[in-house]
Amino acid sequence: MQQEKLTFQKTERLTGEIRIKELFEKGEFLLSYPFRVGYVVVSESDVPVKVVISVPKKRFKHAIDRNRIKRLIRESYRLNKKSLYEILEEKGYAIHLAVSYISSDKLPYDVIQKKWVETIGKLGKNLP
């Protein structure tokens, strides 16, 4: 039995100023502490989800702290994206996703992992 590779490829990253601006202007947001998640349903996409992750400089002055938190969120996303893909496939959607870290604390990986799983569940319920 071959295990499926869980990767986070470049095509899964949301890039481009126009797409990101559209996400923040037209998207819907939900709060799932320590994340604020914005999403917009898109008509065409080569992958089910394109993600942008942000950690505000206002809360974490040092780049090393911001980068570590982003790395933990990316890893948590990578390991749990299959359940999000299943939800989207069932509903027939593709989405653009913005994940903002809103906590002022540097949470450990296990907490981020658990909270991300909860966030995916909330997101699945909020999708039309």
Protein backbone atom coordinates (compact mmCIF):
# COMPACT_ATOMS: atom_id res chain seq x y z
CA MET A 1 0.00 0.00 0.00
CA GLN A 2 1.52 3.27 -1.13
CA GLN A 3 1.06 6.29 1.08
CA GLU A 4 -0.09 9.51 -0.60
CA LYS A 5 2.43 12.35 -0.43
CA LEU A 6 1.21 15.35 1.50
CA THR A 7 2.84 18.35 -0.12
CA PHE A 8 2.26 22.08 -0.26
CA GLN A 9 3.12 23.01 -3.81
CA LYS A 10 3.68 26.40 -5.33
CA THR A 11 0.44 26.10 -7.32
CA GLU A 12 -1.46 25.96 -4.01
CA ARG A 13 -0.21 29.38 -2.92
CA LEU A 14 -2.42 32.38 -3.61
CA THR A 15 -0.32 34.98 -5.39
CA GLY A 16 -1.04 38.14 -7.28
CA GLU A 17 -2.12 41.46 -5.87
CA ILE A 18 -5.42 41.45 -7.78
CA ARG A 19 -6.53 38.03 -6.49
CA ILE A 20 -5.57 38.82 -2.90
CA LYS A 21 -7.27 42.22 -3.04
CA GLU A 22 -10.43 40.59 -4.43
CA LEU A 23 -10.36 38.04 -1.61
CA PHE A 24 -10.23 40.73 1.07
CA GLU A 25 -12.85 42.94 -0.62
CA LYS A 26 -15.42 40.33 -1.70
CA GLY A 27 -14.66 37.43 0.60
CA GLU A 28 -16.43 36.26 3.71
CA PHE A 29 -14.58 35.93 7.00
CA LEU A 30 -14.92 33.68 9.98
CA LEU A 31 -13.16 33.83 13.30
CA SER A 32 -11.73 30.67 14.73
CA TYR A 33 -9.19 31.69 17.36
CA PRO A 34 -6.21 32.00 16.77
CA PHE A 35 -7.11 32.37 13.08
CA ARG A 36 -9.17 34.79 11.06
CA VAL A 37 -10.03 33.00 7.85
CA GLY A 38 -11.25 34.73 4.73
CA TYR A 39 -12.53 32.82 1.74
CA VAL A 40 -14.09 33.44 -1.62
CA VAL A 41 -15.55 30.83 -3.96
CA VAL A 42 -13.94 30.96 -7.40
CA SER A 43 -15.21 29.58 -10.67
CA GLU A 44 -11.98 28.27 -12.13
CA SER A 45 -8.85 27.01 -10.44
CA ASP A 46 -6.25 24.35 -11.13
CA VAL A 47 -6.34 23.27 -7.46
CA PRO A 48 -9.30 23.18 -5.02
CA VAL A 49 -7.70 25.66 -2.59
CA LYS A 50 -5.19 28.47 -2.98
CA VAL A 51 -3.89 29.81 0.33
CA VAL A 52 -2.17 32.93 1.59
CA ILE A 53 -0.94 32.99 5.20
CA SER A 54 -0.19 36.18 7.12
CA VAL A 55 1.13 37.01 10.55
CA PRO A 56 0.94 40.72 11.42
CA LYS A 57 4.08 42.68 12.14
CA LYS A 58 2.05 44.69 14.64
CA ARG A 59 1.82 41.67 16.97
CA PHE A 60 5.23 40.10 16.27
CA LYS A 61 8.00 42.62 15.72
CA HIS A 62 10.70 40.06 14.92
CA ALA A 63 10.69 38.36 11.53
CA ILE A 64 11.94 35.13 13.10
CA ASP A 65 8.74 34.90 15.16
CA ARG A 66 6.46 35.69 12.20
CA ASN A 67 8.24 33.18 9.97
CA ARG A 68 8.08 30.43 12.59
CA ILE A 69 4.33 30.89 13.06
CA LYS A 70 3.77 30.88 9.30
CA ARG A 71 5.83 27.70 9.02
CA LEU A 72 3.73 26.00 11.72
CA ILE A 73 0.48 27.06 10.02
CA ARG A 74 1.72 25.82 6.63
CA GLU A 75 2.69 22.47 8.13
CA SER A 76 -0.68 22.13 9.83
CA TYR A 77 -2.44 23.03 6.58
CA ARG A 78 -0.31 20.56 4.62
CA LEU A 79 -1.14 17.66 6.94
CA ASN A 80 -4.88 18.40 7.10
CA LYS A 81 -5.71 19.74 3.65
CA LYS A 82 -7.11 16.40 2.53
CA SER A 83 -10.18 16.83 4.73
CA LEU A 84 -10.71 20.34 3.33
CA TYR A 85 -10.33 19.00 -0.22
CA GLU A 86 -12.97 16.33 0.50
CA ILE A 87 -15.44 18.95 1.75
CA LEU A 88 -14.88 21.11 -1.33
CA GLU A 89 -15.09 18.17 -3.72
CA GLU A 90 -18.39 17.13 -2.14
CA LYS A 91 -19.80 20.65 -2.65
CA GLY A 92 -18.14 21.16 -6.03
CA TYR A 93 -16.21 24.32 -5.11
CA ALA A 94 -12.79 25.82 -5.50
CA ILE A 95 -11.83 28.58 -3.05
CA HIS A 96 -9.19 31.16 -2.32
CA LEU A 97 -8.28 31.21 1.35
CA ALA A 98 -6.57 33.84 3.53
CA VAL A 99 -5.39 32.72 6.95
CA SER A 100 -4.41 35.48 9.38
CA TYR A 101 -2.94 34.68 12.76
CA ILE A 102 -4.63 36.95 15.31
CA SER A 103 -3.23 35.74 18.62
CA SER A 104 -0.59 37.79 20.43
CA ASP A 105 0.99 34.63 21.81
CA LYS A 106 3.37 32.21 20.14
CA LEU A 107 1.29 29.05 20.44
CA PRO A 108 2.96 25.61 20.28
CA TYR A 109 2.53 23.44 17.21
CA ASP A 110 0.11 20.95 18.80
CA VAL A 111 -2.30 23.76 19.70
CA ILE A 112 -2.08 25.28 16.21
CA GLN A 113 -2.67 21.84 14.70
CA LYS A 114 -5.76 21.21 16.84
CA LYS A 115 -7.18 24.68 16.17
CA TRP A 116 -6.60 24.32 12.43
CA VAL A 117 -8.62 21.09 12.35
CA GLU A 118 -11.46 22.92 14.15
CA THR A 119 -11.18 25.78 11.65
CA ILE A 120 -11.53 23.40 8.69
CA GLY A 121 -14.72 22.06 10.27
CA LYS A 122 -16.14 25.56 10.72
CA LEU A 123 -15.19 26.47 7.18
CA GLY A 124 -16.95 23.39 5.83
CA LYS A 125 -20.14 24.36 7.66
CA ASN A 126 -19.98 28.00 6.50
CA LEU A 127 -19.62 27.25 2.80
CA PRO A 128 -22.90 27.72 0.89
